[in-house]
Amino acid sequence: MQPEPFTLLMTVYGGDRAEHVRDAFRSAVHDQTLRPDQVVLVQDGPVPPDLAACLSELVTAGPVEVTFVHLEHNRGLGPALDAGLHAARHDIVARMDADDVAMPHRFQTQVPLVRSGADLVGAGLLEFRADITDVVGRRTPPSDPADIARYSRLHDPFNHPTVVYRRSAVVAAGGYGDLPLMEDYWLFVRMIANGARMVNVAEPLVYYRVGDGAYERRGGRDLLRSELRLQREMRREGFISQPQYWRNVMVRGGYRLVPTMIRKPFYRALVAPYGARRNRSRDRDDARGRPQPATYTPRHARPAAEGPERLPGLDTAPPHPDA
């Protein structure tokens, strides 16, 4: 029996650079030890001539089937990804940003985890500037499902450019929708609430491009508006409690408003390495035989009858929302 095929999903818009798109595509297709069976390439609105020529080249000269989706008007990342998911022929879908670089063993590492029963698999990443030899940071996510669920009540538990997931699980959660700058976090929260089986690979599998304005873009009024909307939705759905809502508004909202010179070191020191700290702590507890905290299943994920068989090593039940 042939292994289950998978689709690579990339979106491109007018602000992307042709050389970055070409490098991203090559790293995620040509250079992979496990190549995708289909690429869905979404053009989100008008693009300049050089980028249009690049996309035409990728569609016609790629080593695998490329499905091109052209959106006449720029609709934003969430709607563009939903359009791409609609065009995907396979249930396993891998995300790739148009200006990042995938490590050659990325899909060889992640796709088998989805094939074996996970619904959502993320990974760590390395931040770089001009090229991948200029690494300036590292993001390590929490790898244990219980830690992922706990972390998700305050932070996005996945590095979106690294994820591989089941399209059926994404669709069951309602897709990305249109929550600008927060669409991935809101999707992952709903997938967790639906009982999706998830895990993060702690090792970095993607080089993530950060320009001079990367930390500036993590703040500002537009992002604050999306942040507040996200927190209202999470509270309305019962994913966070009222005290957690106010904590998140103060912590995450304040983070959006502080100057970049404060935001950048805070992110580098506390947020990006959280997973590495938590993973080490869990490893120590496991080695000492300490019991893990009790978990619960939120109301969204409570089945009427006995649920599906658990994937070995993946406990989907998040902690109590008041924890």
Foldseek 3Di string as FASTA:
>chain_A
DDQAAEEEEEEDEAVDDLVLLLQQVCQQAVLAPDHHQEYEYEYQADHDPVNVVSVVCCCPPPPHHYHYHYDHHHDADQVRVVVSLVVIPGQKYAYAYSRKGFHRHLCVPPVVVVSLPAFKEAEKEFEAEPDPVRTDAIFFAAFAQQSLLVCLLQDQRHDRNGMIGGSVLLVVLPGQPDLHPCSNSLSVLSSLLQLGFYGYHRHHGMYHYDYPCNLVVLADDSNLVSQLVSLVVCPVVVSADPVSSVVNCCPSSVLRPDDSVVNVVCCRPPPRCVNVVVNVVVVVCVVVVHDDDDFARDPNHDDPDDDDDDRPSTDSTYHDNVD
